[in-house]
Amino acid sequence: MKRILLVVTLISFATACEQNKKAEATGNLPFYTFDEVIHYSVPVSKSELDSIIGKSEKSRKELGLLQIVTGNIPVSTQDSLFISNMDILGFEKQVIDPKKYEALEKLFSKREPTQPIQPSCKTGYTDILVFRKKGKFMGSVKLNFECQRHQMVGQRYNDADFGQSGEYEALKKLLQ
């Protein structure tokens, strides 16, 4: 009886592991749970941003902009003040159509990379997506489509392979 129980347990465990691997490979492990997504765009051009970076004396507004665009803000899901700061700093704000949520969930899911890439530059981030669920800040992703770079906060899985299966191109097209 104990052997039968042991065999059934091992088979169940092996089946669960195999299902998890299949879910990971197909992108069925979403980084975020959400019911609202807001897209923010940086209010200055790349050349204006480079000019601000090169200045020795910066205004408070410019320092705030640089903290969001080039820094590590936010550092956690508890750090949601940056969202209201983006409004104050003049970021362009667009609420994403809920019809696009399924596609966003698929793009922001853990999967095996198919097109390994390396970020091509280190300039600031140009786009920021904020994920909310029932009004609560669940996470964000800062993106630079040109450089194929990102910085995620609040994701449920390791995001090291994000962008290595064509996600940047698909996401850029989806956000237009």
N, C-alpha and C. Protein backbone atom coordinates (compact mmCIF):
# COMPACT_ATOMS: atom_id res chain seq x y z
N MET A 1 0.82 -1.19 0.00
CA MET A 1 0.00 0.00 0.00
C MET A 1 0.86 1.26 0.00
N LYS A 2 1.92 1.24 0.82
CA LYS A 2 2.81 2.40 0.89
C LYS A 2 3.51 2.62 -0.45
N ARG A 3 3.87 1.53 -1.11
CA ARG A 3 4.54 1.65 -2.41
C ARG A 3 3.62 2.27 -3.45
N ILE A 4 2.37 1.86 -3.43
CA ILE A 4 1.40 2.42 -4.39
C ILE A 4 1.24 3.92 -4.13
N LEU A 5 1.13 4.30 -2.87
CA LEU A 5 1.01 5.71 -2.51
C LEU A 5 2.24 6.49 -2.95
N LEU A 6 3.42 5.91 -2.76
CA LEU A 6 4.67 6.55 -3.17
C LEU A 6 4.72 6.72 -4.68
N VAL A 7 4.34 5.72 -5.43
CA VAL A 7 4.35 5.78 -6.89
C VAL A 7 3.36 6.85 -7.37
N VAL A 8 2.17 6.89 -6.80
CA VAL A 8 1.17 7.88 -7.19
C VAL A 8 1.68 9.29 -6.89
N THR A 9 2.31 9.48 -5.74
CA THR A 9 2.86 10.78 -5.38
C THR A 9 3.95 11.21 -6.36
N LEU A 10 4.85 10.29 -6.69
CA LEU A 10 5.92 10.62 -7.63
C LEU A 10 5.38 10.95 -9.02
N ILE A 11 4.39 10.22 -9.46
CA ILE A 11 3.80 10.49 -10.78
C ILE A 11 3.11 11.86 -10.75
N SER A 12 2.40 12.17 -9.69
CA SER A 12 1.74 13.48 -9.58
C SER A 12 2.76 14.61 -9.60
N PHE A 13 3.84 14.43 -8.87
CA PHE A 13 4.89 15.45 -8.81
C PHE A 13 5.53 15.64 -10.18
N ALA A 14 5.85 14.55 -10.86
CA ALA A 14 6.47 14.64 -12.19
C ALA A 14 5.53 15.31 -13.18
N THR A 15 4.24 14.99 -13.12
CA THR A 15 3.26 15.60 -14.02
C THR A 15 3.15 17.10 -13.76
N ALA A 16 3.13 17.49 -12.49
CA ALA A 16 3.04 18.92 -12.15
C ALA A 16 4.26 19.67 -12.65
N CYS A 17 5.45 19.10 -12.48
CA CYS A 17 6.68 19.74 -12.96
C CYS A 17 6.64 19.90 -14.48
N GLU A 18 6.17 18.87 -15.19
CA GLU A 18 6.10 18.93 -16.64
C GLU A 18 5.11 20.00 -17.09
N GLN A 19 3.97 20.11 -16.42
CA GLN A 19 2.99 21.13 -16.77
C GLN A 19 3.55 22.52 -16.53
N ASN A 20 4.32 22.70 -15.45
CA ASN A 20 4.93 24.00 -15.15
C ASN A 20 5.93 24.37 -16.24
N LYS A 21 6.72 23.40 -16.70
CA LYS A 21 7.69 23.66 -17.77
C LYS A 21 6.97 24.06 -19.05
N LYS A 22 5.86 23.39 -19.37
CA LYS A 22 5.10 23.74 -20.56
C LYS A 22 4.52 25.14 -20.44
N ALA A 23 3.99 25.48 -19.28
CA ALA A 23 3.43 26.82 -19.06
C ALA A 23 4.50 27.87 -19.23
N GLU A 24 5.70 27.62 -18.69
CA GLU A 24 6.80 28.58 -18.81
C GLU A 24 7.21 28.75 -20.26
N ALA A 25 7.33 27.66 -21.00
CA ALA A 25 7.79 27.73 -22.39
C ALA A 25 6.79 28.46 -23.27
N THR A 26 5.50 28.36 -22.97
CA THR A 26 4.49 28.98 -23.83
C THR A 26 4.09 30.37 -23.36
N GLY A 27 4.67 30.87 -22.29
CA GLY A 27 4.36 32.21 -21.83
C GLY A 27 3.09 32.29 -21.00
N ASN A 28 2.75 31.22 -20.29
CA ASN A 28 1.54 31.21 -19.47
C ASN A 28 1.82 31.55 -18.01
N LEU A 29 2.94 32.19 -17.74
CA LEU A 29 3.27 32.63 -16.39
C LEU A 29 3.42 34.15 -16.42
N PRO A 30 2.30 34.88 -16.32
CA PRO A 30 2.37 36.35 -16.45
C PRO A 30 3.15 37.00 -15.32
N PHE A 31 3.92 38.03 -15.67
CA PHE A 31 4.71 38.77 -14.68
C PHE A 31 3.80 39.56 -13.73
N TYR A 32 2.65 40.04 -14.23
CA TYR A 32 1.78 40.90 -13.45
C TYR A 32 0.34 40.41 -13.49
N THR A 33 -0.39 40.67 -12.40
CA THR A 33 -1.84 40.53 -12.42
C THR A 33 -2.37 41.97 -12.43
N PHE A 34 -3.34 42.24 -13.29
CA PHE A 34 -3.79 43.63 -13.44
C PHE A 34 -5.20 43.69 -14.03
N ASP A 35 -5.85 44.81 -13.80
CA ASP A 35 -7.11 45.11 -14.46
C ASP A 35 -7.10 46.53 -15.05
N GLU A 36 -5.91 47.17 -14.97
CA GLU A 36 -5.72 48.49 -15.58
C GLU A 36 -4.24 48.67 -15.89
N VAL A 37 -3.97 49.23 -17.07
CA VAL A 37 -2.60 49.54 -17.46
C VAL A 37 -2.57 50.96 -17.99
N ILE A 38 -1.61 51.73 -17.49
CA ILE A 38 -1.45 53.12 -17.93
C ILE A 38 -0.06 53.25 -18.57
N HIS A 39 -0.03 53.86 -19.73
CA HIS A 39 1.21 54.06 -20.48
C HIS A 39 1.63 55.52 -20.35
N TYR A 40 2.84 55.73 -19.84
CA TYR A 40 3.40 57.07 -19.73
C TYR A 40 4.55 57.19 -20.72
N SER A 41 4.63 58.34 -21.39
CA SER A 41 5.73 58.62 -22.31
C SER A 41 6.52 59.81 -21.79
N VAL A 42 7.82 59.75 -21.94
CA VAL A 42 8.70 60.83 -21.49
C VAL A 42 8.38 62.11 -22.27
N PRO A 43 8.26 63.24 -21.56
CA PRO A 43 7.83 64.48 -22.22
C PRO A 43 8.93 65.23 -22.98
N VAL A 44 10.12 64.68 -23.07
CA VAL A 44 11.22 65.35 -23.78
C VAL A 44 11.83 64.40 -24.80
N SER A 45 12.47 64.97 -25.81
CA SER A 45 13.13 64.17 -26.83
C SER A 45 14.45 63.63 -26.30
N LYS A 46 15.03 62.71 -27.04
CA LYS A 46 16.32 62.13 -26.65
C LYS A 46 17.40 63.21 -26.56
N SER A 47 17.42 64.13 -27.52
CA SER A 47 18.43 65.19 -27.49
C SER A 47 18.22 66.13 -26.30
N GLU A 48 16.97 66.43 -25.97
CA GLU A 48 16.70 67.27 -24.79
C GLU A 48 17.11 66.55 -23.51
N LEU A 49 16.87 65.26 -23.45
CA LEU A 49 17.27 64.47 -22.28
C LEU A 49 18.80 64.46 -22.15
N ASP A 50 19.50 64.26 -23.27
CA ASP A 50 20.97 64.30 -23.24
C ASP A 50 21.47 65.65 -22.78
N SER A 51 20.79 66.72 -23.19
CA SER A 51 21.16 68.07 -22.78
C SER A 51 20.99 68.25 -21.27
N ILE A 52 19.88 67.74 -20.74
CA ILE A 52 19.64 67.83 -19.30
C ILE A 52 20.69 67.04 -18.53
N ILE A 53 21.01 65.86 -19.02
CA ILE A 53 22.03 65.02 -18.36
C ILE A 53 23.37 65.75 -18.32
N GLY A 54 23.71 66.46 -19.40
CA GLY A 54 25.00 67.15 -19.50
C GLY A 54 25.10 68.43 -18.69
N LYS A 55 23.98 68.97 -18.25
CA LYS A 55 23.99 70.22 -17.48
C LYS A 55 24.65 70.01 -16.12
N SER A 56 25.42 71.02 -15.70
CA SER A 56 26.00 70.94 -14.35
C SER A 56 24.98 71.40 -13.30
N GLU A 57 24.15 72.37 -13.65
CA GLU A 57 23.10 72.86 -12.75
C GLU A 57 21.75 72.41 -13.29
N LYS A 58 21.00 71.67 -12.48
CA LYS A 58 19.70 71.16 -12.91
C LYS A 58 18.61 71.68 -11.98
N SER A 59 17.45 71.95 -12.57
CA SER A 59 16.31 72.38 -11.77
C SER A 59 15.73 71.17 -11.03
N ARG A 60 14.84 71.43 -10.07
CA ARG A 60 14.19 70.33 -9.34
C ARG A 60 13.39 69.45 -10.29
N LYS A 61 12.74 70.08 -11.26
CA LYS A 61 11.94 69.33 -12.24
C LYS A 61 12.84 68.43 -13.08
N GLU A 62 13.99 68.95 -13.50
CA GLU A 62 14.92 68.14 -14.29
C GLU A 62 15.49 66.99 -13.46
N LEU A 63 15.79 67.25 -12.19
CA LEU A 63 16.30 66.18 -11.32
C LEU A 63 15.24 65.09 -11.13
N GLY A 64 13.99 65.51 -10.95
CA GLY A 64 12.90 64.55 -10.82
C GLY A 64 12.73 63.71 -12.07
N LEU A 65 12.80 64.37 -13.21
CA LEU A 65 12.71 63.66 -14.49
C LEU A 65 13.83 62.63 -14.62
N LEU A 66 15.06 63.04 -14.31
CA LEU A 66 16.20 62.13 -14.42
C LEU A 66 16.10 60.95 -13.46
N GLN A 67 15.57 61.19 -12.26
CA GLN A 67 15.42 60.09 -11.30
C GLN A 67 14.51 59.01 -11.85
N ILE A 68 13.46 59.41 -12.53
CA ILE A 68 12.52 58.43 -13.09
C ILE A 68 13.08 57.80 -14.37
N VAL A 69 13.61 58.62 -15.25
CA VAL A 69 14.01 58.15 -16.58
C VAL A 69 15.35 57.41 -16.58
N THR A 70 16.28 57.81 -15.74
CA THR A 70 17.60 57.16 -15.76
C THR A 70 17.92 56.41 -14.46
N GLY A 71 17.14 56.64 -13.43
CA GLY A 71 17.42 56.03 -12.14
C GLY A 71 16.64 54.75 -11.90
N ASN A 72 16.71 54.28 -10.67
CA ASN A 72 16.06 53.04 -10.29
C ASN A 72 14.71 53.27 -9.61
N ILE A 73 14.07 54.38 -9.89
CA ILE A 73 12.78 54.67 -9.28
C ILE A 73 11.69 54.14 -10.20
N PRO A 74 10.77 53.36 -9.70
CA PRO A 74 10.55 52.91 -8.34
C PRO A 74 11.44 51.72 -8.00
N VAL A 75 11.61 51.49 -6.71
CA VAL A 75 12.42 50.35 -6.28
C VAL A 75 11.56 49.19 -5.79
N SER A 76 10.29 49.47 -5.49
CA SER A 76 9.37 48.42 -5.05
C SER A 76 7.94 48.86 -5.33
N THR A 77 7.00 47.96 -5.10
CA THR A 77 5.60 48.31 -5.30
C THR A 77 5.09 49.24 -4.20
N GLN A 78 5.85 49.41 -3.14
CA GLN A 78 5.50 50.36 -2.09
C GLN A 78 5.82 51.80 -2.53
N ASP A 79 6.66 51.93 -3.53
CA ASP A 79 7.15 53.23 -4.01
C ASP A 79 6.28 53.72 -5.17
N SER A 80 5.05 54.16 -4.86
CA SER A 80 4.14 54.57 -5.92
C SER A 80 4.08 56.09 -6.10
N LEU A 81 4.83 56.83 -5.32
CA LEU A 81 4.84 58.30 -5.43
C LEU A 81 5.31 58.75 -6.81
N PHE A 82 6.15 57.95 -7.45
CA PHE A 82 6.67 58.33 -8.77
C PHE A 82 5.54 58.50 -9.79
N ILE A 83 4.40 57.84 -9.58
CA ILE A 83 3.29 57.93 -10.52
C ILE A 83 2.73 59.35 -10.52
N SER A 84 2.48 59.91 -9.35
CA SER A 84 1.98 61.29 -9.30
C SER A 84 3.06 62.27 -9.75
N ASN A 85 4.33 61.93 -9.51
CA ASN A 85 5.42 62.78 -9.98
C ASN A 85 5.47 62.82 -11.51
N MET A 86 5.15 61.71 -12.17
CA MET A 86 5.14 61.71 -13.63
C MET A 86 4.06 62.67 -14.15
N ASP A 87 2.92 62.71 -13.46
CA ASP A 87 1.87 63.66 -13.84
C ASP A 87 2.36 65.09 -13.68
N ILE A 88 3.00 65.38 -12.56
CA ILE A 88 3.53 66.73 -12.28
C ILE A 88 4.59 67.12 -13.30
N LEU A 89 5.43 66.15 -13.69
CA LEU A 89 6.53 66.42 -14.62
C LEU A 89 6.08 66.49 -16.08
N GLY A 90 4.81 66.26 -16.34
CA GLY A 90 4.29 66.41 -17.70
C GLY A 90 4.43 65.19 -18.59
N PHE A 91 4.59 64.02 -18.01
CA PHE A 91 4.62 62.80 -18.83
C PHE A 91 3.29 62.67 -19.55
N GLU A 92 3.34 62.21 -20.78
CA GLU A 92 2.11 61.97 -21.53
C GLU A 92 1.49 60.68 -20.98
N LYS A 93 0.20 60.73 -20.67
CA LYS A 93 -0.49 59.62 -20.03
C LYS A 93 -1.58 59.08 -20.93
N GLN A 94 -1.61 57.75 -21.09
CA GLN A 94 -2.65 57.13 -21.90
C GLN A 94 -3.09 55.84 -21.20
N VAL A 95 -4.38 55.74 -20.91
CA VAL A 95 -4.92 54.51 -20.34
C VAL A 95 -5.07 53.52 -21.48
N ILE A 96 -4.49 52.33 -21.30
CA ILE A 96 -4.53 51.31 -22.35
C ILE A 96 -5.93 50.69 -22.44
N ASP A 97 -6.39 50.49 -23.66
CA ASP A 97 -7.69 49.88 -23.91
C ASP A 97 -7.71 48.45 -23.33
N PRO A 98 -8.72 48.13 -22.52
CA PRO A 98 -8.80 46.79 -21.94
C PRO A 98 -8.80 45.66 -22.98
N LYS A 99 -9.17 45.95 -24.21
CA LYS A 99 -9.12 44.93 -25.25
C LYS A 99 -7.70 44.44 -25.51
N LYS A 100 -6.71 45.23 -25.11
CA LYS A 100 -5.30 44.88 -25.33
C LYS A 100 -4.69 44.13 -24.14
N TYR A 101 -5.45 43.94 -23.07
CA TYR A 101 -4.90 43.33 -21.86
C TYR A 101 -4.42 41.89 -22.06
N GLU A 102 -5.18 41.12 -22.84
CA GLU A 102 -4.78 39.74 -23.07
C GLU A 102 -3.43 39.68 -23.79
N ALA A 103 -3.26 40.54 -24.79
CA ALA A 103 -1.98 40.59 -25.52
C ALA A 103 -0.86 41.05 -24.60
N LEU A 104 -1.14 42.04 -23.74
CA LEU A 104 -0.13 42.51 -22.79
C LEU A 104 0.27 41.40 -21.81
N GLU A 105 -0.71 40.66 -21.34
CA GLU A 105 -0.42 39.57 -20.41
C GLU A 105 0.48 38.52 -21.07
N LYS A 106 0.23 38.23 -22.34
CA LYS A 106 1.06 37.26 -23.05
C LYS A 106 2.48 37.80 -23.26
N LEU A 107 2.59 39.09 -23.60
CA LEU A 107 3.91 39.68 -23.81
C LEU A 107 4.71 39.73 -22.52
N PHE A 108 4.04 40.07 -21.42
CA PHE A 108 4.71 40.15 -20.13
C PHE A 108 4.53 38.85 -19.36
N SER A 109 5.04 37.77 -19.95
CA SER A 109 5.00 36.44 -19.34
C SER A 109 6.37 35.79 -19.45
N LYS A 110 6.66 34.94 -18.51
CA LYS A 110 7.94 34.21 -18.52
C LYS A 110 7.91 33.18 -19.64
N ARG A 111 8.98 33.12 -20.40
CA ARG A 111 9.09 32.14 -21.49
C ARG A 111 10.57 31.90 -21.79
N GLU A 112 10.82 30.87 -22.53
CA GLU A 112 12.18 30.57 -22.97
C GLU A 112 12.55 31.52 -24.10
N PRO A 113 13.75 32.09 -24.08
CA PRO A 113 14.15 33.03 -25.14
C PRO A 113 14.33 32.33 -26.48
N THR A 114 13.91 33.01 -27.55
CA THR A 114 14.10 32.47 -28.90
C THR A 114 15.04 33.32 -29.74
N GLN A 115 15.25 34.59 -29.34
CA GLN A 115 16.13 35.51 -30.07
C GLN A 115 17.00 36.26 -29.06
N PRO A 116 18.00 35.61 -28.49
CA PRO A 116 18.81 36.30 -27.46
C PRO A 116 19.34 37.64 -27.96
N ILE A 117 19.22 38.66 -27.10
CA ILE A 117 19.68 40.00 -27.43
C ILE A 117 20.49 40.57 -26.28
N GLN A 118 21.24 41.58 -26.56
CA GLN A 118 21.94 42.37 -25.55
C GLN A 118 21.51 43.81 -25.74
N PRO A 119 21.21 44.53 -24.65
CA PRO A 119 20.86 45.94 -24.82
C PRO A 119 21.95 46.66 -25.61
N SER A 120 21.51 47.51 -26.55
CA SER A 120 22.48 48.14 -27.46
C SER A 120 22.98 49.50 -26.99
N CYS A 121 22.41 50.07 -25.95
CA CYS A 121 22.86 51.36 -25.44
C CYS A 121 22.40 51.51 -23.99
N LYS A 122 22.78 52.59 -23.37
CA LYS A 122 22.44 52.78 -21.96
C LYS A 122 21.75 54.11 -21.69
N THR A 123 21.03 54.63 -22.66
CA THR A 123 20.31 55.88 -22.42
C THR A 123 19.09 55.61 -21.55
N GLY A 124 18.39 56.68 -21.17
CA GLY A 124 17.24 56.56 -20.28
C GLY A 124 16.07 55.81 -20.91
N TYR A 125 15.11 55.55 -20.07
CA TYR A 125 13.89 54.87 -20.51
C TYR A 125 12.93 55.89 -21.09
N THR A 126 12.20 55.51 -22.13
CA THR A 126 11.32 56.44 -22.83
C THR A 126 9.84 56.18 -22.58
N ASP A 127 9.51 54.97 -22.14
CA ASP A 127 8.12 54.60 -21.91
C ASP A 127 8.02 53.86 -20.58
N ILE A 128 6.90 54.08 -19.90
CA ILE A 128 6.68 53.42 -18.61
C ILE A 128 5.25 52.90 -18.59
N LEU A 129 5.10 51.63 -18.25
CA LEU A 129 3.78 51.05 -18.09
C LEU A 129 3.55 50.82 -16.60
N VAL A 130 2.39 51.24 -16.12
CA VAL A 130 2.01 51.06 -14.72
C VAL A 130 0.85 50.08 -14.69
N PHE A 131 1.01 49.01 -13.91
CA PHE A 131 -0.01 47.98 -13.78
C PHE A 131 -0.74 48.15 -12.45
N ARG A 132 -2.07 48.16 -12.51
CA ARG A 132 -2.89 48.29 -11.30
C ARG A 132 -3.92 47.16 -11.27
N LYS A 133 -4.31 46.81 -10.05
CA LYS A 133 -5.40 45.86 -9.87
C LYS A 133 -6.27 46.40 -8.75
N LYS A 134 -7.54 46.65 -9.07
CA LYS A 134 -8.49 47.26 -8.13
C LYS A 134 -7.93 48.55 -7.55
N GLY A 135 -7.27 49.34 -8.39
CA GLY A 135 -6.72 50.63 -7.99
C GLY A 135 -5.37 50.57 -7.31
N LYS A 136 -4.91 49.39 -6.96
CA LYS A 136 -3.64 49.23 -6.24
C LYS A 136 -2.49 49.07 -7.23
N PHE A 137 -1.38 49.76 -6.96
CA PHE A 137 -0.18 49.66 -7.79
C PHE A 137 0.42 48.27 -7.63
N MET A 138 0.44 47.51 -8.73
CA MET A 138 0.96 46.14 -8.72
C MET A 138 2.39 46.05 -9.25
N GLY A 139 2.78 47.01 -10.08
CA GLY A 139 4.12 46.98 -10.64
C GLY A 139 4.24 47.91 -11.83
N SER A 140 5.46 48.00 -12.33
CA SER A 140 5.71 48.85 -13.49
C SER A 140 6.86 48.28 -14.30
N VAL A 141 6.91 48.72 -15.53
CA VAL A 141 8.04 48.38 -16.39
C VAL A 141 8.44 49.65 -17.12
N LYS A 142 9.73 49.96 -17.03
CA LYS A 142 10.30 51.09 -17.77
C LYS A 142 10.96 50.49 -19.01
N LEU A 143 10.73 51.12 -20.16
CA LEU A 143 11.18 50.56 -21.43
C LEU A 143 11.96 51.57 -22.26
N ASN A 144 12.91 51.05 -23.02
CA ASN A 144 13.56 51.82 -24.07
C ASN A 144 13.56 50.90 -25.29
N PHE A 145 12.64 51.17 -26.22
CA PHE A 145 12.50 50.31 -27.39
C PHE A 145 13.72 50.36 -28.29
N GLU A 146 14.33 51.52 -28.43
CA GLU A 146 15.49 51.69 -29.30
C GLU A 146 16.66 50.83 -28.81
N CYS A 147 16.89 50.84 -27.51
CA CYS A 147 18.01 50.10 -26.92
C CYS A 147 17.63 48.68 -26.52
N GLN A 148 16.35 48.37 -26.54
CA GLN A 148 15.83 47.08 -26.09
C GLN A 148 16.28 46.80 -24.65
N ARG A 149 15.92 47.77 -23.79
CA ARG A 149 16.20 47.66 -22.35
C ARG A 149 14.91 47.80 -21.58
N HIS A 150 14.90 47.24 -20.39
CA HIS A 150 13.74 47.39 -19.52
C HIS A 150 14.18 47.30 -18.06
N GLN A 151 13.30 47.79 -17.20
CA GLN A 151 13.48 47.66 -15.76
C GLN A 151 12.10 47.40 -15.18
N MET A 152 11.93 46.23 -14.56
CA MET A 152 10.63 45.85 -14.01
C MET A 152 10.64 45.92 -12.49
N VAL A 153 9.49 46.27 -11.94
CA VAL A 153 9.26 46.27 -10.49
C VAL A 153 7.93 45.58 -10.25
N GLY A 154 7.88 44.69 -9.28
CA GLY A 154 6.64 44.02 -8.92
C GLY A 154 6.34 42.77 -9.72
N GLN A 155 7.23 42.37 -10.59
CA GLN A 155 6.99 41.18 -11.40
C GLN A 155 7.05 39.93 -10.52
N ARG A 156 6.25 38.93 -10.89
CA ARG A 156 6.16 37.71 -10.09
C ARG A 156 7.24 36.69 -10.44
N TYR A 157 7.88 36.84 -11.58
CA TYR A 157 8.90 35.89 -12.03
C TYR A 157 10.13 36.65 -12.49
N ASN A 158 11.24 35.96 -12.59
CA ASN A 158 12.48 36.56 -13.07
C ASN A 158 12.27 37.06 -14.50
N ASP A 159 12.65 38.31 -14.74
CA ASP A 159 12.42 38.94 -16.05
C ASP A 159 13.67 38.97 -16.93
N ALA A 160 14.69 38.19 -16.58
CA ALA A 160 15.96 38.25 -17.30
C ALA A 160 15.82 37.94 -18.80
N ASP A 161 14.85 37.11 -19.18
CA ASP A 161 14.70 36.73 -20.58
C ASP A 161 13.67 37.58 -21.32
N PHE A 162 13.09 38.58 -20.64
CA PHE A 162 12.11 39.43 -21.32
C PHE A 162 12.78 40.15 -22.50
N GLY A 163 12.08 40.19 -23.62
CA GLY A 163 12.58 40.88 -24.80
C GLY A 163 13.34 39.98 -25.75
N GLN A 164 13.63 38.76 -25.31
CA GLN A 164 14.45 37.87 -26.13
C GLN A 164 13.62 36.90 -26.97
N SER A 165 12.35 37.24 -27.11
CA SER A 165 11.47 36.45 -27.98
C SER A 165 10.59 37.39 -28.82
N GLY A 166 11.12 38.58 -29.12
CA GLY A 166 10.41 39.54 -29.96
C GLY A 166 9.41 40.42 -29.24
N GLU A 167 9.46 40.46 -27.90
CA GLU A 167 8.49 41.23 -27.14
C GLU A 167 8.57 42.73 -27.39
N TYR A 168 9.77 43.27 -27.56
CA TYR A 168 9.90 44.73 -27.75
C TYR A 168 9.17 45.18 -29.01
N GLU A 169 9.36 44.46 -30.10
CA GLU A 169 8.70 44.84 -31.35
C GLU A 169 7.19 44.73 -31.24
N ALA A 170 6.72 43.64 -30.66
CA ALA A 170 5.28 43.41 -30.51
C ALA A 170 4.67 44.45 -29.57
N LEU A 171 5.36 44.77 -28.50
CA LEU A 171 4.85 45.74 -27.53
C LEU A 171 4.80 47.14 -28.12
N LYS A 172 5.84 47.52 -28.86
CA LYS A 172 5.85 48.83 -29.49
C LYS A 172 4.67 48.98 -30.44
N LYS A 173 4.40 47.94 -31.21
CA LYS A 173 3.28 47.96 -32.14
C LYS A 173 1.94 48.02 -31.39
N LEU A 174 1.83 47.29 -30.29
CA LEU A 174 0.61 47.26 -29.51
C LEU A 174 0.31 48.62 -28.86
N LEU A 175 1.33 49.34 -28.47
CA LEU A 175 1.15 50.62 -27.78
C LEU A 175 0.89 51.79 -28.74
N GLN A 176 1.08 51.60 -30.02
CA GLN A 176 0.86 52.70 -30.99
C GLN A 176 -0.60 52.96 -31.21
